[in-house]
Amino acid sequence: MRHDIRLHGMDFAVFHKDDRAEVVRTSFVARPEPHQIHALMVRAAAQTTGCAVIPDSIATRVPGDPGVATFDLDCWGTLSRRPGS
C-alpha cells in the first residue's frame, strides 16, 4: 500500500507491506543532511503505517543516500516479526 506524506517541506512516498516499509523522498533537496532526512523517513513510516519503526532497522540502497530507505516495523506490539512468518 502506498501513502504520501509531507514533513518539514519534504515529500515522501511510503510503501507498506506486512512488517516492512520503504520510504522514498520524492522532493528535491539541494544539500541533503542524511541524519535529518533519515529521522523524517522514520517519522513518515510511523505516521503513515500506524506501526512503530524498529530502532536501527534502516537499510539504504546506496550508503549515505537519503533518497530511499527501508525499515522493519512493529505493527503487532512485539518488536519482532509477526508470529508464523
N, C-alpha and C. Protein backbone atom coordinates (compact mmCIF):
# COMPACT_ATOMS: atom_id res chain seq x y z
N MET A 1 0.84 -1.17 0.00
CA MET A 1 0.00 0.00 0.00
C MET A 1 0.89 1.24 0.00
N ARG A 2 0.55 2.23 -0.79
CA ARG A 2 1.31 3.48 -0.86
C ARG A 2 0.61 4.58 -0.07
N HIS A 3 1.42 5.33 0.66
CA HIS A 3 0.95 6.51 1.40
C HIS A 3 1.87 7.66 1.03
N ASP A 4 1.33 8.84 0.84
CA ASP A 4 2.13 10.03 0.58
C ASP A 4 2.01 10.97 1.77
N ILE A 5 3.14 11.59 2.13
CA ILE A 5 3.16 12.49 3.28
C ILE A 5 4.17 13.60 3.04
N ARG A 6 3.89 14.77 3.60
CA ARG A 6 4.81 15.91 3.55
C ARG A 6 5.20 16.24 4.98
N LEU A 7 6.52 16.28 5.23
CA LEU A 7 7.06 16.63 6.54
C LEU A 7 8.15 17.67 6.36
N HIS A 8 8.06 18.76 7.08
CA HIS A 8 9.06 19.83 7.03
C HIS A 8 9.39 20.24 5.60
N GLY A 9 8.37 20.33 4.76
CA GLY A 9 8.55 20.79 3.39
C GLY A 9 9.09 19.74 2.44
N MET A 10 9.26 18.50 2.89
CA MET A 10 9.74 17.42 2.01
C MET A 10 8.63 16.41 1.80
N ASP A 11 8.56 15.91 0.59
CA ASP A 11 7.55 14.91 0.24
C ASP A 11 8.17 13.52 0.26
N PHE A 12 7.39 12.57 0.79
CA PHE A 12 7.81 11.19 0.87
C PHE A 12 6.68 10.28 0.40
N ALA A 13 7.06 9.19 -0.25
CA ALA A 13 6.12 8.11 -0.56
C ALA A 13 6.53 6.94 0.32
N VAL A 14 5.55 6.38 1.02
CA VAL A 14 5.82 5.25 1.91
C VAL A 14 5.08 4.04 1.36
N PHE A 15 5.81 2.97 1.11
CA PHE A 15 5.24 1.72 0.62
C PHE A 15 5.27 0.72 1.78
N HIS A 16 4.09 0.27 2.19
CA HIS A 16 3.95 -0.57 3.38
C HIS A 16 3.44 -1.94 2.98
N LYS A 17 4.15 -2.97 3.43
CA LYS A 17 3.68 -4.34 3.26
C LYS A 17 4.13 -5.15 4.48
N ASP A 18 3.14 -5.71 5.17
CA ASP A 18 3.38 -6.53 6.36
C ASP A 18 4.22 -5.76 7.38
N ASP A 19 5.42 -6.27 7.67
CA ASP A 19 6.26 -5.65 8.70
C ASP A 19 7.44 -4.89 8.10
N ARG A 20 7.26 -4.37 6.89
CA ARG A 20 8.31 -3.61 6.21
C ARG A 20 7.73 -2.34 5.61
N ALA A 21 8.57 -1.32 5.56
CA ALA A 21 8.21 -0.07 4.88
C ALA A 21 9.40 0.39 4.07
N GLU A 22 9.13 0.86 2.87
CA GLU A 22 10.14 1.51 2.05
C GLU A 22 9.70 2.96 1.92
N VAL A 23 10.62 3.87 2.24
CA VAL A 23 10.32 5.30 2.19
C VAL A 23 11.19 5.92 1.11
N VAL A 24 10.53 6.64 0.21
CA VAL A 24 11.22 7.30 -0.90
C VAL A 24 11.00 8.80 -0.79
N ARG A 25 12.10 9.55 -0.74
CA ARG A 25 11.97 11.02 -0.75
C ARG A 25 11.69 11.41 -2.18
N THR A 26 10.55 12.07 -2.40
CA THR A 26 10.14 12.41 -3.76
C THR A 26 10.35 13.87 -4.11
N SER A 27 10.87 14.64 -3.16
CA SER A 27 11.14 16.04 -3.46
C SER A 27 12.65 16.27 -3.48
N PHE A 28 13.07 17.27 -4.24
CA PHE A 28 14.48 17.59 -4.39
C PHE A 28 14.99 18.31 -3.15
N VAL A 29 16.19 17.94 -2.73
CA VAL A 29 16.88 18.63 -1.65
C VAL A 29 18.29 18.92 -2.15
N ALA A 30 18.67 20.21 -2.19
CA ALA A 30 19.96 20.60 -2.76
C ALA A 30 21.14 20.02 -1.98
N ARG A 31 21.12 20.14 -0.68
CA ARG A 31 22.19 19.62 0.16
C ARG A 31 21.59 18.77 1.27
N PRO A 32 21.29 17.55 0.98
CA PRO A 32 20.62 16.73 1.99
C PRO A 32 21.53 16.41 3.17
N GLU A 33 20.98 16.50 4.35
CA GLU A 33 21.65 16.08 5.58
C GLU A 33 21.10 14.69 5.92
N PRO A 34 21.89 13.64 5.69
CA PRO A 34 21.36 12.28 5.86
C PRO A 34 20.68 12.01 7.20
N HIS A 35 21.26 12.47 8.31
CA HIS A 35 20.66 12.17 9.61
C HIS A 35 19.30 12.83 9.76
N GLN A 36 19.16 14.06 9.28
CA GLN A 36 17.87 14.75 9.38
C GLN A 36 16.83 14.08 8.49
N ILE A 37 17.23 13.73 7.28
CA ILE A 37 16.28 13.11 6.36
C ILE A 37 15.90 11.71 6.84
N HIS A 38 16.86 10.95 7.37
CA HIS A 38 16.52 9.62 7.89
C HIS A 38 15.54 9.73 9.05
N ALA A 39 15.70 10.73 9.90
CA ALA A 39 14.76 10.92 11.02
C ALA A 39 13.36 11.23 10.48
N LEU A 40 13.29 12.03 9.42
CA LEU A 40 11.98 12.32 8.81
C LEU A 40 11.40 11.08 8.15
N MET A 41 12.26 10.24 7.57
CA MET A 41 11.78 9.00 6.96
C MET A 41 11.19 8.06 8.01
N VAL A 42 11.83 7.98 9.17
CA VAL A 42 11.30 7.16 10.27
C VAL A 42 9.92 7.69 10.66
N ARG A 43 9.83 8.99 10.81
CA ARG A 43 8.55 9.61 11.18
C ARG A 43 7.48 9.36 10.12
N ALA A 44 7.86 9.48 8.84
CA ALA A 44 6.91 9.24 7.74
C ALA A 44 6.40 7.81 7.78
N ALA A 45 7.30 6.85 8.01
CA ALA A 45 6.90 5.44 8.07
C ALA A 45 5.95 5.20 9.23
N ALA A 46 6.27 5.74 10.39
CA ALA A 46 5.42 5.53 11.56
C ALA A 46 4.06 6.18 11.40
N GLN A 47 4.03 7.41 10.92
CA GLN A 47 2.76 8.14 10.81
C GLN A 47 1.84 7.54 9.75
N THR A 48 2.38 7.10 8.65
CA THR A 48 1.52 6.60 7.58
C THR A 48 1.08 5.16 7.78
N THR A 49 1.90 4.36 8.47
CA THR A 49 1.54 2.95 8.65
C THR A 49 0.84 2.68 9.96
N GLY A 50 1.03 3.56 10.96
CA GLY A 50 0.48 3.32 12.28
C GLY A 50 1.29 2.30 13.07
N CYS A 51 2.46 1.95 12.56
CA CYS A 51 3.33 0.98 13.21
C CYS A 51 4.55 1.69 13.80
N ALA A 52 5.18 1.05 14.78
CA ALA A 52 6.44 1.57 15.31
C ALA A 52 7.57 1.10 14.40
N VAL A 53 8.53 1.97 14.16
CA VAL A 53 9.71 1.60 13.39
C VAL A 53 10.70 0.97 14.37
N ILE A 54 11.19 -0.22 14.05
CA ILE A 54 12.14 -0.90 14.92
C ILE A 54 13.46 -0.14 14.87
N PRO A 55 13.97 0.26 16.04
CA PRO A 55 15.20 1.06 16.08
C PRO A 55 16.36 0.38 15.35
N ASP A 56 17.12 1.19 14.66
CA ASP A 56 18.32 0.74 13.93
C ASP A 56 18.03 -0.28 12.84
N SER A 57 16.81 -0.30 12.32
CA SER A 57 16.49 -1.25 11.24
C SER A 57 16.63 -0.63 9.86
N ILE A 58 17.11 0.60 9.77
CA ILE A 58 17.21 1.27 8.48
C ILE A 58 18.20 0.56 7.57
N ALA A 59 17.82 0.44 6.32
CA ALA A 59 18.71 -0.07 5.28
C ALA A 59 18.55 0.85 4.08
N THR A 60 19.67 1.27 3.52
CA THR A 60 19.64 2.14 2.35
C THR A 60 20.23 1.40 1.17
N ARG A 61 19.75 1.74 -0.01
CA ARG A 61 20.27 1.09 -1.22
C ARG A 61 21.67 1.57 -1.55
N VAL A 62 21.89 2.86 -1.35
CA VAL A 62 23.21 3.45 -1.59
C VAL A 62 23.66 4.06 -0.27
N PRO A 63 24.77 3.59 0.30
CA PRO A 63 25.22 4.14 1.58
C PRO A 63 25.32 5.67 1.53
N GLY A 64 24.74 6.30 2.54
CA GLY A 64 24.78 7.75 2.62
C GLY A 64 23.75 8.47 1.78
N ASP A 65 22.99 7.74 0.96
CA ASP A 65 21.98 8.37 0.10
C ASP A 65 20.68 8.45 0.87
N PRO A 66 20.23 9.66 1.18
CA PRO A 66 18.98 9.80 1.93
C PRO A 66 17.74 9.81 1.04
N GLY A 67 17.80 9.19 -0.14
CA GLY A 67 16.67 9.20 -1.05
C GLY A 67 15.71 8.04 -0.87
N VAL A 68 16.24 6.87 -0.50
CA VAL A 68 15.42 5.67 -0.35
C VAL A 68 15.93 4.89 0.86
N ALA A 69 15.02 4.45 1.70
CA ALA A 69 15.40 3.62 2.85
C ALA A 69 14.28 2.64 3.16
N THR A 70 14.65 1.50 3.70
CA THR A 70 13.67 0.52 4.15
C THR A 70 13.80 0.36 5.66
N PHE A 71 12.68 0.00 6.28
CA PHE A 71 12.63 -0.15 7.73
C PHE A 71 11.83 -1.38 8.09
N ASP A 72 12.20 -2.01 9.21
CA ASP A 72 11.38 -3.06 9.81
C ASP A 72 10.38 -2.37 10.71
N LEU A 73 9.16 -2.89 10.73
CA LEU A 73 8.08 -2.30 11.52
C LEU A 73 7.59 -3.26 12.59
N ASP A 74 7.12 -2.68 13.68
CA ASP A 74 6.45 -3.46 14.72
C ASP A 74 4.98 -3.05 14.69
N CYS A 75 4.20 -3.81 13.97
CA CYS A 75 2.77 -3.49 13.82
C CYS A 75 1.91 -4.29 14.80
N TRP A 76 2.53 -5.23 15.49
CA TRP A 76 1.77 -6.10 16.37
C TRP A 76 2.19 -5.98 17.83
N GLY A 77 3.02 -4.97 18.13
CA GLY A 77 3.41 -4.72 19.51
C GLY A 77 4.39 -5.69 20.10
N THR A 78 5.19 -6.35 19.26
CA THR A 78 6.12 -7.35 19.76
C THR A 78 7.57 -7.00 19.48
N LEU A 79 7.82 -5.97 18.68
CA LEU A 79 9.18 -5.62 18.23
C LEU A 79 9.88 -6.79 17.59
N SER A 80 9.11 -7.63 16.92
CA SER A 80 9.68 -8.75 16.18
C SER A 80 8.74 -9.05 15.02
N ARG A 81 9.13 -10.02 14.23
CA ARG A 81 8.29 -10.40 13.09
C ARG A 81 6.98 -11.02 13.58
N ARG A 82 6.00 -10.92 12.72
CA ARG A 82 4.68 -11.47 13.04
C ARG A 82 4.79 -12.97 13.29
N PRO A 83 4.13 -13.46 14.32
CA PRO A 83 4.18 -14.91 14.60
C PRO A 83 3.76 -15.72 13.37
N GLY A 84 4.53 -16.78 13.12
CA GLY A 84 4.22 -17.65 12.00
C GLY A 84 4.87 -17.23 10.70
N SER A 85 5.64 -16.14 10.69
CA SER A 85 6.29 -15.73 9.43
C SER A 85 7.78 -15.95 9.50
